[in-house]
Protein backbone atom coordinates (compact mmCIF):
# COMPACT_ATOMS: atom_id res chain seq x y z
CA MET A 1 0.05 0.02 -0.21
CA SER A 2 1.59 3.68 -0.84
CA LYS A 3 2.17 6.14 1.72
CA GLU A 4 -0.88 8.26 0.09
CA GLU A 5 -3.38 5.03 0.38
CA GLN A 6 -2.42 4.33 4.10
CA THR A 7 -2.77 8.20 4.78
CA LYS A 8 -6.17 8.55 3.19
CA LYS A 9 -6.80 4.89 4.81
CA LEU A 10 -6.19 6.28 8.32
CA ILE A 11 -7.90 9.70 7.93
CA GLU A 12 -11.25 7.42 7.15
CA ARG A 13 -10.63 5.15 9.94
CA ILE A 14 -10.72 8.28 12.08
CA LYS A 15 -13.63 9.73 10.29
CA ARG A 16 -15.91 6.64 10.19
CA THR A 17 -15.58 5.24 14.13
CA GLN A 18 -16.80 6.23 17.73
CA ASP A 19 -13.84 4.15 19.16
CA GLU A 20 -11.45 6.21 21.15
CA THR A 21 -9.05 3.36 21.17
CA ILE A 22 -8.91 3.03 17.25
CA LYS A 23 -8.71 7.35 16.71
CA LEU A 24 -5.73 7.03 18.87
CA ASP A 25 -4.38 4.39 16.91
CA ALA A 26 -4.30 5.99 13.37
CA ILE A 27 -3.38 9.45 14.77
CA ASP A 28 -0.49 7.85 16.09
CA GLN A 29 -0.04 6.68 12.73
CA LEU A 30 -0.49 9.88 11.19
CA GLY A 31 1.93 11.72 13.20
CA GLU A 32 4.73 9.05 12.61
CA ILE A 33 4.04 9.60 8.64
CA GLY A 34 4.15 13.42 9.49
CA LYS A 35 7.46 12.99 11.16
CA ARG A 36 9.17 10.46 8.39
CA ALA A 37 8.39 13.31 5.87
CA LYS A 38 9.69 15.90 8.05
CA GLU A 39 13.09 14.04 8.25
CA SER A 40 13.00 13.38 4.33
CA VAL A 41 12.80 17.21 3.49
CA SER A 42 15.70 17.68 5.91
CA LEU A 43 17.60 14.94 3.77
CA LEU A 44 16.43 15.83 0.55
CA ILE A 45 17.81 19.85 1.46
CA GLN A 46 20.86 18.27 2.32
CA LEU A 47 21.44 16.66 -1.05
CA ILE A 48 21.08 19.85 -2.91
CA LYS A 49 23.21 21.50 -1.18
CA ASP A 50 26.18 19.22 -2.13
CA SER A 51 27.64 20.00 -5.31
CA SER A 52 29.55 16.98 -4.91
CA GLU A 53 26.49 14.54 -5.30
CA SER A 54 25.29 13.58 -9.01
CA PHE A 55 23.70 15.71 -11.47
CA LYS A 56 20.59 12.95 -11.09
CA ILE A 57 20.65 12.89 -7.44
CA ARG A 58 20.30 16.33 -6.88
CA THR A 59 17.72 17.26 -9.31
CA LYS A 60 15.40 14.30 -8.31
CA ALA A 61 16.17 16.10 -4.98
CA ILE A 62 15.19 19.25 -6.07
CA TRP A 63 11.66 17.51 -7.81
CA SER A 64 10.96 15.66 -4.74
CA LEU A 65 10.87 18.96 -2.76
CA GLY A 66 8.79 20.68 -5.13
CA GLU A 67 6.53 17.44 -4.82
CA ILE A 68 6.07 17.54 -1.15
CA GLY A 69 5.94 21.23 -0.85
CA SER A 70 7.35 21.93 2.82
CA GLY A 71 7.94 25.76 3.28
CA THR A 72 11.36 24.83 4.91
CA ALA A 73 12.69 23.91 1.18
CA VAL A 74 11.81 27.61 0.18
CA GLN A 75 15.01 29.32 1.18
CA PRO A 76 17.44 26.39 -0.43
CA LEU A 77 15.66 26.43 -3.67
CA ILE A 78 15.88 30.24 -3.74
CA ASP A 79 19.87 30.05 -3.08
CA LEU A 80 20.16 27.30 -5.89
CA LEU A 81 18.45 29.48 -7.89
CA GLN A 82 20.51 32.62 -7.50
CA SER A 83 23.91 30.88 -6.88
CA ASP A 84 24.00 27.31 -8.61
CA ASN A 85 26.27 27.42 -11.92
CA ASN A 86 23.82 24.65 -13.52
CA LYS A 87 21.35 26.37 -15.73
CA TYR A 88 18.84 23.18 -15.48
CA ILE A 89 19.19 22.90 -11.59
CA ARG A 90 18.12 26.66 -11.46
CA ILE A 91 15.13 25.65 -13.83
CA LEU A 92 14.17 23.01 -11.47
CA SER A 93 14.31 24.74 -8.51
CA LEU A 94 12.33 27.38 -9.87
CA GLU A 95 9.89 25.19 -11.08
CA SER A 96 10.12 23.39 -7.62
CA LEU A 97 9.05 26.87 -5.98
CA GLY A 98 6.30 27.22 -8.01
CA LYS A 99 4.93 24.02 -6.77
CA ILE A 100 5.51 25.03 -3.41
CA SER A 101 3.57 28.40 -3.70
CA LYS A 102 0.64 26.53 -5.00
CA ARG A 103 0.12 24.31 -2.15
CA PRO A 104 -2.49 26.07 0.12
CA GLU A 105 -1.39 26.14 3.34
CA ILE A 106 1.72 28.36 2.09
CA GLY A 107 -0.67 30.33 -0.35
CA ARG A 108 -2.89 30.89 2.54
CA THR A 109 -0.01 32.06 4.73
CA ARG A 110 0.95 34.75 2.15
CA ARG A 111 -2.36 36.40 1.44
CA LYS A 112 -2.97 37.09 5.38
């Protein structure tokens, strides 16, 4: 089962049950998914900053940060956009920043 399917299943479990034990277990599992996601963002940021990593690794990490949509990645991506010598890295950084800016939770904080 994919992480997305697992997350959806946990959300539905919380919505459909009145059993507190089941809800607590599902909430714990959602928290663990979030914790792993946060740790992965940190690792991906390290990878994009490390110019000794291969082009493929760095571009895949940049793409993944855009897909995840974490605001934590914004400044490191801006830094790449402004300073990396590889134009493809800069272009992909810009595209990832665009994906992040379209996330509802990011956009809402900017509009306030």
